[in-house]
PDB file of N, CA and C in Angstrom:
ATOM      1  N   UNK A   1      41.949  22.088  28.928  1.00  0.00           N
ATOM      2  CA  UNK A   1      40.808  21.854  28.062  1.00  0.00           C
ATOM      3  C   UNK A   1      40.384  20.387  28.184  1.00  0.00           C
ATOM      4  N   UNK A   2      39.101  20.164  28.413  1.00  0.00           N
ATOM      5  CA  UNK A   2      38.632  18.784  28.568  1.00  0.00           C
ATOM      6  C   UNK A   2      38.661  18.011  27.249  1.00  0.00           C
ATOM      7  N   UNK A   3      38.682  16.699  27.377  1.00  0.00           N
ATOM      8  CA  UNK A   3      38.688  15.815  26.209  1.00  0.00           C
ATOM      9  C   UNK A   3      37.296  15.310  25.845  1.00  0.00           C
ATOM     10  N   UNK A   4      36.418  15.255  26.820  1.00  0.00           N
ATOM     11  CA  UNK A   4      35.080  14.706  26.613  1.00  0.00           C
ATOM     12  C   UNK A   4      34.215  15.729  25.878  1.00  0.00           C
ATOM     13  N   UNK A   5      33.456  15.236  24.910  1.00  0.00           N
ATOM     14  CA  UNK A   5      32.673  16.105  24.044  1.00  0.00           C
ATOM     15  C   UNK A   5      31.676  16.970  24.829  1.00  0.00           C
ATOM     16  N   UNK A   6      30.977  16.392  25.781  1.00  0.00           N
ATOM     17  CA  UNK A   6      29.991  17.142  26.554  1.00  0.00           C
ATOM     18  C   UNK A   6      30.679  18.191  27.444  1.00  0.00           C
ATOM     19  N   UNK A   7      31.864  17.864  27.935  1.00  0.00           N
ATOM     20  CA  UNK A   7      32.614  18.812  28.755  1.00  0.00           C
ATOM     21  C   UNK A   7      33.096  19.994  27.925  1.00  0.00           C
ATOM     22  N   UNK A   8      33.500  19.707  26.698  1.00  0.00           N
ATOM     23  CA  UNK A   8      33.930  20.777  25.791  1.00  0.00           C
ATOM     24  C   UNK A   8      32.763  21.726  25.532  1.00  0.00           C
ATOM     25  N   UNK A   9      31.586  21.153  25.315  1.00  0.00           N
ATOM     26  CA  UNK A   9      30.402  21.956  25.066  1.00  0.00           C
ATOM     27  C   UNK A   9      30.043  22.788  26.296  1.00  0.00           C
ATOM     28  N   UNK A  10      30.154  22.185  27.483  1.00  0.00           N
ATOM     29  CA  UNK A  10      29.867  22.911  28.726  1.00  0.00           C
ATOM     30  C   UNK A  10      30.797  24.106  28.889  1.00  0.00           C
ATOM     31  N   UNK A  11      32.074  23.920  28.583  1.00  0.00           N
ATOM     32  CA  UNK A  11      33.046  25.013  28.677  1.00  0.00           C
ATOM     33  C   UNK A  11      32.671  26.126  27.705  1.00  0.00           C
ATOM     34  N   UNK A  12      32.294  25.730  26.490  1.00  0.00           N
ATOM     35  CA  UNK A  12      31.917  26.702  25.472  1.00  0.00           C
ATOM     36  C   UNK A  12      30.674  27.486  25.897  1.00  0.00           C
ATOM     37  N   UNK A  13      29.682  26.779  26.440  1.00  0.00           N
ATOM     38  CA  UNK A  13      28.453  27.429  26.884  1.00  0.00           C
ATOM     39  C   UNK A  13      28.714  28.355  28.071  1.00  0.00           C
ATOM     40  N   UNK A  14      29.559  27.905  28.970  1.00  0.00           N
ATOM     41  CA  UNK A  14      29.874  28.725  30.150  1.00  0.00           C
ATOM     42  C   UNK A  14      30.583  30.012  29.733  1.00  0.00           C
ATOM     43  N   UNK A  15      31.472  29.900  28.769  1.00  0.00           N
ATOM     44  CA  UNK A  15      32.199  31.082  28.284  1.00  0.00           C
ATOM     45  C   UNK A  15      31.225  32.069  27.640  1.00  0.00           C
ATOM     46  N   UNK A  16      30.302  31.560  26.842  1.00  0.00           N
ATOM     47  CA  UNK A  16      29.321  32.420  26.184  1.00  0.00           C
ATOM     48  C   UNK A  16      28.420  33.097  27.216  1.00  0.00           C
ATOM     49  N   UNK A  17      27.981  32.328  28.198  1.00  0.00           N
ATOM     50  CA  UNK A  17      27.099  32.872  29.229  1.00  0.00           C
ATOM     51  C   UNK A  17      27.819  33.924  30.076  1.00  0.00           C
ATOM     52  N   UNK A  18      29.102  33.701  30.344  1.00  0.00           N
ATOM     53  CA  UNK A  18      29.892  34.660  31.105  1.00  0.00           C
ATOM     54  C   UNK A  18      29.976  35.985  30.364  1.00  0.00           C
ATOM     55  N   UNK A  19      30.169  35.926  29.061  1.00  0.00           N
ATOM     56  CA  UNK A  19      30.232  37.146  28.256  1.00  0.00           C
ATOM     57  C   UNK A  19      28.895  37.887  28.265  1.00  0.00           C
ATOM     58  N   UNK A  20      27.806  37.139  28.161  1.00  0.00           N
ATOM     59  CA  UNK A  20      26.481  37.761  28.204  1.00  0.00           C
ATOM     60  C   UNK A  20      26.236  38.426  29.554  1.00  0.00           C
ATOM     61  N   UNK A  21      26.590  37.726  30.634  1.00  0.00           N
ATOM     62  CA  UNK A  21      26.399  38.278  31.974  1.00  0.00           C
ATOM     63  C   UNK A  21      27.234  39.528  32.180  1.00  0.00           C
ATOM     64  N   UNK A  22      28.465  39.494  31.676  1.00  0.00           N
ATOM     65  CA  UNK A  22      29.351  40.651  31.810  1.00  0.00           C
ATOM     66  C   UNK A  22      28.758  41.857  31.088  1.00  0.00           C
ATOM     67  N   UNK A  23      28.221  41.638  29.901  1.00  0.00           N
ATOM     68  CA  UNK A  23      27.614  42.725  29.132  1.00  0.00           C
ATOM     69  C   UNK A  23      26.382  43.280  29.845  1.00  0.00           C
ATOM     70  N   UNK A  24      25.552  42.379  30.360  1.00  0.00           N
ATOM     71  CA  UNK A  24      24.339  42.833  31.062  1.00  0.00           C
ATOM     72  C   UNK A  24      24.672  43.582  32.343  1.00  0.00           C
ATOM     73  N   UNK A  25      25.668  43.096  33.070  1.00  0.00           N
ATOM     74  CA  UNK A  25      26.087  43.762  34.306  1.00  0.00           C
ATOM     75  C   UNK A  25      26.645  45.152  34.003  1.00  0.00           C
ATOM     76  N   UNK A  26      27.414  45.239  32.935  1.00  0.00           N
ATOM     77  CA  UNK A  26      27.981  46.521  32.510  1.00  0.00           C
ATOM     78  C   UNK A  26      26.873  47.493  32.112  1.00  0.00           C
ATOM     79  N   UNK A  27      25.891  46.996  31.394  1.00  0.00           N
ATOM     80  CA  UNK A  27      24.762  47.833  30.976  1.00  0.00           C
ATOM     81  C   UNK A  27      23.989  48.341  32.186  1.00  0.00           C
ATOM     82  N   UNK A  28      23.815  47.488  33.181  1.00  0.00           N
ATOM     83  CA  UNK A  28      23.132  47.872  34.417  1.00  0.00           C
ATOM     84  C   UNK A  28      23.887  49.001  35.119  1.00  0.00           C
ATOM     85  N   UNK A  29      25.195  48.843  35.223  1.00  0.00           N
ATOM     86  CA  UNK A  29      26.011  49.879  35.867  1.00  0.00           C
ATOM     87  C   UNK A  29      25.931  51.196  35.101  1.00  0.00           C
ATOM     88  N   UNK A  30      25.915  51.113  33.776  1.00  0.00           N
ATOM     89  CA  UNK A  30      25.842  52.312  32.945  1.00  0.00           C
ATOM     90  C   UNK A  30      24.527  53.048  33.163  1.00  0.00           C
ATOM     91  N   UNK A  31      23.431  52.309  33.231  1.00  0.00           N
ATOM     92  CA  UNK A  31      22.115  52.924  33.448  1.00  0.00           C
ATOM     93  C   UNK A  31      22.090  53.634  34.800  1.00  0.00           C
ATOM     94  N   UNK A  32      22.618  52.997  35.822  1.00  0.00           N
ATOM     95  CA  UNK A  32      22.645  53.595  37.161  1.00  0.00           C
ATOM     96  C   UNK A  32      23.546  54.829  37.170  1.00  0.00           C
ATOM     97  N   UNK A  33      24.682  54.744  36.491  1.00  0.00           N
ATOM     98  CA  UNK A  33      25.612  55.877  36.413  1.00  0.00           C
ATOM     99  C   UNK A  33      24.946  57.059  35.699  1.00  0.00           C
ATOM    100  N   UNK A  34      24.221  56.797  34.617  1.00  0.00           N
ATOM    101  CA  UNK A  34      23.522  57.859  33.887  1.00  0.00           C
ATOM    102  C   UNK A  34      22.459  58.516  34.756  1.00  0.00           C
ATOM    103  N   UNK A  35      21.751  57.715  35.545  1.00  0.00           N
ATOM    104  CA  UNK A  35      20.750  58.265  36.452  1.00  0.00           C
ATOM    105  C   UNK A  35      21.405  59.164  37.496  1.00  0.00           C
ATOM    106  N   UNK A  36      22.523  58.712  38.071  1.00  0.00           N
ATOM    107  CA  UNK A  36      23.206  59.513  39.082  1.00  0.00           C
ATOM    108  C   UNK A  36      23.711  60.833  38.505  1.00  0.00           C
ATOM    109  N   UNK A  37      24.213  60.808  37.276  1.00  0.00           N
ATOM    110  CA  UNK A  37      24.658  62.046  36.614  1.00  0.00           C
ATOM    111  C   UNK A  37      23.484  62.996  36.408  1.00  0.00           C
ATOM    112  N   UNK A  38      22.350  62.455  35.977  1.00  0.00           N
ATOM    113  CA  UNK A  38      21.168  63.278  35.759  1.00  0.00           C
ATOM    114  C   UNK A  38      20.666  63.874  37.065  1.00  0.00           C
ATOM    115  N   UNK A  39      20.778  63.129  38.133  1.00  0.00           N
ATOM    116  CA  UNK A  39      20.340  63.594  39.442  1.00  0.00           C
ATOM    117  C   UNK A  39      21.212  64.752  39.927  1.00  0.00           C
ATOM    118  N   UNK A  40      22.521  64.615  39.730  1.00  0.00           N
ATOM    119  CA  UNK A  40      23.454  65.662  40.163  1.00  0.00           C
ATOM    120  C   UNK A  40      23.250  66.942  39.356  1.00  0.00           C
ATOM    121  N   UNK A  41      23.049  66.784  38.049  1.00  0.00           N
ATOM    122  CA  UNK A  41      22.891  67.953  37.184  1.00  0.00           C
ATOM    123  C   UNK A  41      21.448  68.475  37.167  1.00  0.00           C
ATOM    124  N   UNK A  42      20.568  67.844  37.943  1.00  0.00           N
ATOM    125  CA  UNK A  42      19.160  68.224  38.041  1.00  0.00           C
ATOM    126  C   UNK A  42      18.508  68.243  36.656  1.00  0.00           C
ATOM    127  N   UNK A  43      18.757  67.197  35.904  1.00  0.00           N
ATOM    128  CA  UNK A  43      18.227  67.073  34.550  1.00  0.00           C
ATOM    129  C   UNK A  43      16.729  66.812  34.576  1.00  0.00           C
ATOM    130  N   UNK A  44      16.062  67.115  33.446  1.00  0.00           N
ATOM    131  CA  UNK A  44      14.618  66.951  33.369  1.00  0.00           C
ATOM    132  C   UNK A  44      14.204  65.484  33.253  1.00  0.00           C
ATOM    133  N   UNK A  45      15.082  64.657  32.699  1.00  0.00           N
ATOM    134  CA  UNK A  45      14.718  63.256  32.455  1.00  0.00           C
ATOM    135  C   UNK A  45      15.150  62.320  33.575  1.00  0.00           C
ATOM    136  N   UNK A  46      15.396  62.854  34.765  1.00  0.00           N
ATOM    137  CA  UNK A  46      15.864  61.998  35.865  1.00  0.00           C
ATOM    138  C   UNK A  46      14.802  60.989  36.305  1.00  0.00           C
ATOM    139  N   UNK A  47      13.521  61.364  36.213  1.00  0.00           N
ATOM    140  CA  UNK A  47      12.464  60.442  36.598  1.00  0.00           C
ATOM    141  C   UNK A  47      12.392  59.260  35.616  1.00  0.00           C
ATOM    142  N   UNK A  48      12.549  59.568  34.335  1.00  0.00           N
ATOM    143  CA  UNK A  48      12.552  58.519  33.310  1.00  0.00           C
ATOM    144  C   UNK A  48      13.756  57.587  33.499  1.00  0.00           C
ATOM    145  N   UNK A  49      14.903  58.164  33.809  1.00  0.00           N
ATOM    146  CA  UNK A  49      16.108  57.361  34.041  1.00  0.00           C
ATOM    147  C   UNK A  49      15.973  56.511  35.300  1.00  0.00           C
ATOM    148  N   UNK A  50      15.276  57.031  36.306  1.00  0.00           N
ATOM    149  CA  UNK A  50      15.028  56.261  37.526  1.00  0.00           C
ATOM    150  C   UNK A  50      14.177  55.035  37.207  1.00  0.00           C
ATOM    151  N   UNK A  51      13.117  55.230  36.438  1.00  0.00           N
ATOM    152  CA  UNK A  51      12.261  54.104  36.053  1.00  0.00           C
ATOM    153  C   UNK A  51      13.041  53.059  35.268  1.00  0.00           C
ATOM    154  N   UNK A  52      13.900  53.542  34.375  1.00  0.00           N
ATOM    155  CA  UNK A  52      14.715  52.637  33.559  1.00  0.00           C
ATOM    156  C   UNK A  52      15.679  51.841  34.442  1.00  0.00           C
ATOM    157  N   UNK A  53      16.303  52.520  35.407  1.00  0.00           N
ATOM    158  CA  UNK A  53      17.247  51.857  36.305  1.00  0.00           C
ATOM    159  C   UNK A  53      16.540  50.801  37.158  1.00  0.00           C
ATOM    160  N   UNK A  54      15.370  51.134  37.660  1.00  0.00           N
ATOM    161  CA  UNK A  54      14.612  50.183  38.479  1.00  0.00           C
ATOM    162  C   UNK A  54      14.206  48.973  37.645  1.00  0.00           C
ATOM    163  N   UNK A  55      13.791  49.224  36.419  1.00  0.00           N
ATOM    164  CA  UNK A  55      13.409  48.125  35.532  1.00  0.00           C
ATOM    165  C   UNK A  55      14.595  47.205  35.263  1.00  0.00           C
ATOM    166  N   UNK A  56      15.778  47.797  35.015  1.00  0.00           N
ATOM    167  CA  UNK A  56      16.982  47.002  34.761  1.00  0.00           C
ATOM    168  C   UNK A  56      17.369  46.190  35.999  1.00  0.00           C
ATOM    169  N   UNK A  57      17.246  46.795  37.182  1.00  0.00           N
ATOM    170  CA  UNK A  57      17.566  46.084  38.414  1.00  0.00           C
ATOM    171  C   UNK A  57      16.634  44.897  38.627  1.00  0.00           C
ATOM    172  N   UNK A  58      15.336  45.115  38.394  1.00  0.00           N
ATOM    173  CA  UNK A  58      14.373  44.017  38.542  1.00  0.00           C
ATOM    174  C   UNK A  58      14.653  42.894  37.556  1.00  0.00           C
ATOM    175  N   UNK A  59      14.980  43.271  36.335  1.00  0.00           N
ATOM    176  CA  UNK A  59      15.269  42.271  35.299  1.00  0.00           C
ATOM    177  C   UNK A  59      16.525  41.482  35.664  1.00  0.00           C
ATOM    178  N   UNK A  60      17.554  42.186  36.152  1.00  0.00           N
ATOM    179  CA  UNK A  60      18.798  41.516  36.533  1.00  0.00           C
ATOM    180  C   UNK A  60      18.559  40.553  37.691  1.00  0.00           C
ATOM    181  N   UNK A  61      17.713  40.955  38.629  1.00  0.00           N
ATOM    182  CA  UNK A  61      17.413  40.082  39.772  1.00  0.00           C
ATOM    183  C   UNK A  61      16.607  38.865  39.323  1.00  0.00           C
ATOM    184  N   UNK A  62      15.678  39.066  38.395  1.00  0.00           N
ATOM    185  CA  UNK A  62      14.869  37.939  37.939  1.00  0.00           C
ATOM    186  C   UNK A  62      15.693  36.947  37.133  1.00  0.00           C
ATOM    187  N   UNK A  63      16.730  37.435  36.457  1.00  0.00           N
ATOM    188  CA  UNK A  63      17.612  36.568  35.674  1.00  0.00           C
ATOM    189  C   UNK A  63      18.764  36.012  36.518  1.00  0.00           C
ATOM    190  N   UNK A  64      18.733  36.295  37.810  1.00  0.00           N
ATOM    191  CA  UNK A  64      19.755  35.846  38.759  1.00  0.00           C
ATOM    192  C   UNK A  64      21.151  36.401  38.425  1.00  0.00           C
ATOM    193  N   UNK A  65      21.160  37.575  37.787  1.00  0.00           N
ATOM    194  CA  UNK A  65      22.414  38.245  37.491  1.00  0.00           C
ATOM    195  C   UNK A  65      22.969  38.883  38.766  1.00  0.00           C
ATOM    196  N   UNK A  66      22.053  39.429  39.556  1.00  0.00           N
ATOM    197  CA  UNK A  66      22.398  39.934  40.886  1.00  0.00           C
ATOM    198  C   UNK A  66      21.380  39.358  41.860  1.00  0.00           C
ATOM    199  N   UNK A  67      21.707  39.384  43.140  1.00  0.00           N
ATOM    200  CA  UNK A  67      20.811  38.850  44.159  1.00  0.00           C
ATOM    201  C   UNK A  67      19.612  39.779  44.318  1.00  0.00           C
ATOM    202  N   UNK A  68      18.458  39.211  44.644  1.00  0.00           N
ATOM    203  CA  UNK A  68      17.244  40.023  44.758  1.00  0.00           C
ATOM    204  C   UNK A  68      17.357  41.064  45.866  1.00  0.00           C
ATOM    205  N   UNK A  69      18.078  40.732  46.935  1.00  0.00           N
ATOM    206  CA  UNK A  69      18.248  41.711  48.019  1.00  0.00           C
ATOM    207  C   UNK A  69      19.138  42.869  47.575  1.00  0.00           C
ATOM    208  N   UNK A  70      20.122  42.583  46.750  1.00  0.00           N
ATOM    209  CA  UNK A  70      20.981  43.652  46.229  1.00  0.00           C
ATOM    210  C   UNK A  70      20.167  44.573  45.335  1.00  0.00           C
ATOM    211  N   UNK A  71      19.302  44.000  44.503  1.00  0.00           N
ATOM    212  CA  UNK A  71      18.449  44.807  43.632  1.00  0.00           C
ATOM    213  C   UNK A  71      17.534  45.689  44.480  1.00  0.00           C
ATOM    214  N   UNK A  72      16.962  45.115  45.509  1.00  0.00           N
ATOM    215  CA  UNK A  72      16.082  45.861  46.395  1.00  0.00           C
ATOM    216  C   UNK A  72      16.832  46.994  47.093  1.00  0.00           C
ATOM    217  N   UNK A  73      18.031  46.696  47.557  1.00  0.00           N
ATOM    218  CA  UNK A  73      18.858  47.696  48.240  1.00  0.00           C
ATOM    219  C   UNK A  73      19.211  48.841  47.284  1.00  0.00           C
ATOM    220  N   UNK A  74      19.588  48.505  46.055  1.00  0.00           N
ATOM    221  CA  UNK A  74      19.954  49.513  45.066  1.00  0.00           C
ATOM    222  C   UNK A  74      18.751  50.395  44.723  1.00  0.00           C
ATOM    223  N   UNK A  75      17.577  49.771  44.554  1.00  0.00           N
ATOM    224  CA  UNK A  75      16.374  50.540  44.240  1.00  0.00           C
ATOM    225  C   UNK A  75      16.065  51.501  45.386  1.00  0.00           C
ATOM    226  N   UNK A  76      16.236  51.035  46.594  1.00  0.00           N
ATOM    227  CA  UNK A  76      15.991  51.878  47.758  1.00  0.00           C
ATOM    228  C   UNK A  76      16.950  53.067  47.778  1.00  0.00           C
ATOM    229  N   UNK A  77      18.220  52.822  47.471  1.00  0.00           N
ATOM    230  CA  UNK A  77      19.211  53.900  47.430  1.00  0.00           C
ATOM    231  C   UNK A  77      18.868  54.919  46.346  1.00  0.00           C
ATOM    232  N   UNK A  78      18.455  54.431  45.185  1.00  0.00           N
ATOM    233  CA  UNK A  78      18.109  55.324  44.086  1.00  0.00           C
ATOM    234  C   UNK A  78      16.898  56.187  44.442  1.00  0.00           C
ATOM    235  N   UNK A  79      15.889  55.564  45.044  1.00  0.00           N
ATOM    236  CA  UNK A  79      14.687  56.302  45.431  1.00  0.00           C
ATOM    237  C   UNK A  79      14.986  57.313  46.536  1.00  0.00           C
ATOM    238  N   UNK A  80      15.841  56.929  47.456  1.00  0.00           N
ATOM    239  CA  UNK A  80      16.216  57.828  48.545  1.00  0.00           C
ATOM    240  C   UNK A  80      16.907  59.068  47.991  1.00  0.00           C
ATOM    241  N   UNK A  81      17.807  58.873  47.031  1.00  0.00           N
ATOM    242  CA  UNK A  81      18.511  59.990  46.408  1.00  0.00           C
ATOM    243  C   UNK A  81      17.538  60.864  45.618  1.00  0.00           C
ATOM    244  N   UNK A  82      16.599  60.222  44.927  1.00  0.00           N
ATOM    245  CA  UNK A  82      15.607  60.974  44.145  1.00  0.00           C
ATOM    246  C   UNK A  82      14.735  61.832  45.060  1.00  0.00           C
ATOM    247  N   UNK A  83      14.263  61.242  46.156  1.00  0.00           N
ATOM    248  CA  UNK A  83      13.413  61.975  47.093  1.00  0.00           C
ATOM    249  C   UNK A  83      14.161  63.111  47.767  1.00  0.00           C
ATOM    250  N   UNK A  84      15.447  62.892  48.075  1.00  0.00           N
ATOM    251  CA  UNK A  84      16.243  63.962  48.677  1.00  0.00           C
ATOM    252  C   UNK A  84      16.430  65.103  47.695  1.00  0.00           C
ATOM    253  N   UNK A  85      16.650  64.790  46.436  1.00  0.00           N
ATOM    254  CA  UNK A  85      16.815  65.824  45.415  1.00  0.00           C
ATOM    255  C   UNK A  85      15.503  66.580  45.198  1.00  0.00           C
ATOM    256  N   UNK A  86      14.390  65.861  45.229  1.00  0.00           N
ATOM    257  CA  UNK A  86      13.086  66.498  45.058  1.00  0.00           C
ATOM    258  C   UNK A  86      12.771  67.418  46.239  1.00  0.00           C
ATOM    259  N   UNK A  87      13.111  66.986  47.439  1.00  0.00           N
ATOM    260  CA  UNK A  87      12.884  67.808  48.619  1.00  0.00           C
ATOM    261  C   UNK A  87      13.758  69.047  48.594  1.00  0.00           C
ATOM    262  N   UNK A  88      14.973  68.897  48.135  1.00  0.00           N
ATOM    263  CA  UNK A  88      15.899  70.040  48.050  1.00  0.00           C
ATOM    264  C   UNK A  88      15.440  71.015  46.985  1.00  0.00           C
ATOM    265  N   UNK A  89      14.896  70.517  45.901  1.00  0.00           N
ATOM    266  CA  UNK A  89      14.436  71.380  44.808  1.00  0.00           C
ATOM    267  C   UNK A  89      13.196  72.163  45.216  1.00  0.00           C
ATOM    268  N   UNK A  90      12.356  71.586  46.064  1.00  0.00           N
ATOM    269  CA  UNK A  90      11.126  72.268  46.467  1.00  0.00           C
ATOM    270  C   UNK A  90      11.377  73.365  47.490  1.00  0.00           C
ATOM    271  N   UNK A  91      12.528  73.338  48.132  1.00  0.00           N
ATOM    272  CA  UNK A  91      12.823  74.356  49.158  1.00  0.00           C
ATOM    273  C   UNK A  91      13.211  75.680  48.561  1.00  0.00           C
TER     274      UNK A  91
END
């Protein structure tokens, strides 16, 4: 533990920010997991969950929680799975 007042504050702020990031990252994973479950079970709200997941990914990338390329890659994977499910359902 540092002795300098500003260093103590920095440690405290870093700890708080780490907790916030952990919660946001967990929430992002949960949204994606819910979308994948809906896709597998062919649920009616899968399109709404897809929009929600994409929105969360964009928000996480803008807040530098995840890298923008990772967000883009994840969105592409989600859309690819959605389109494959839609094509399979139409057959």
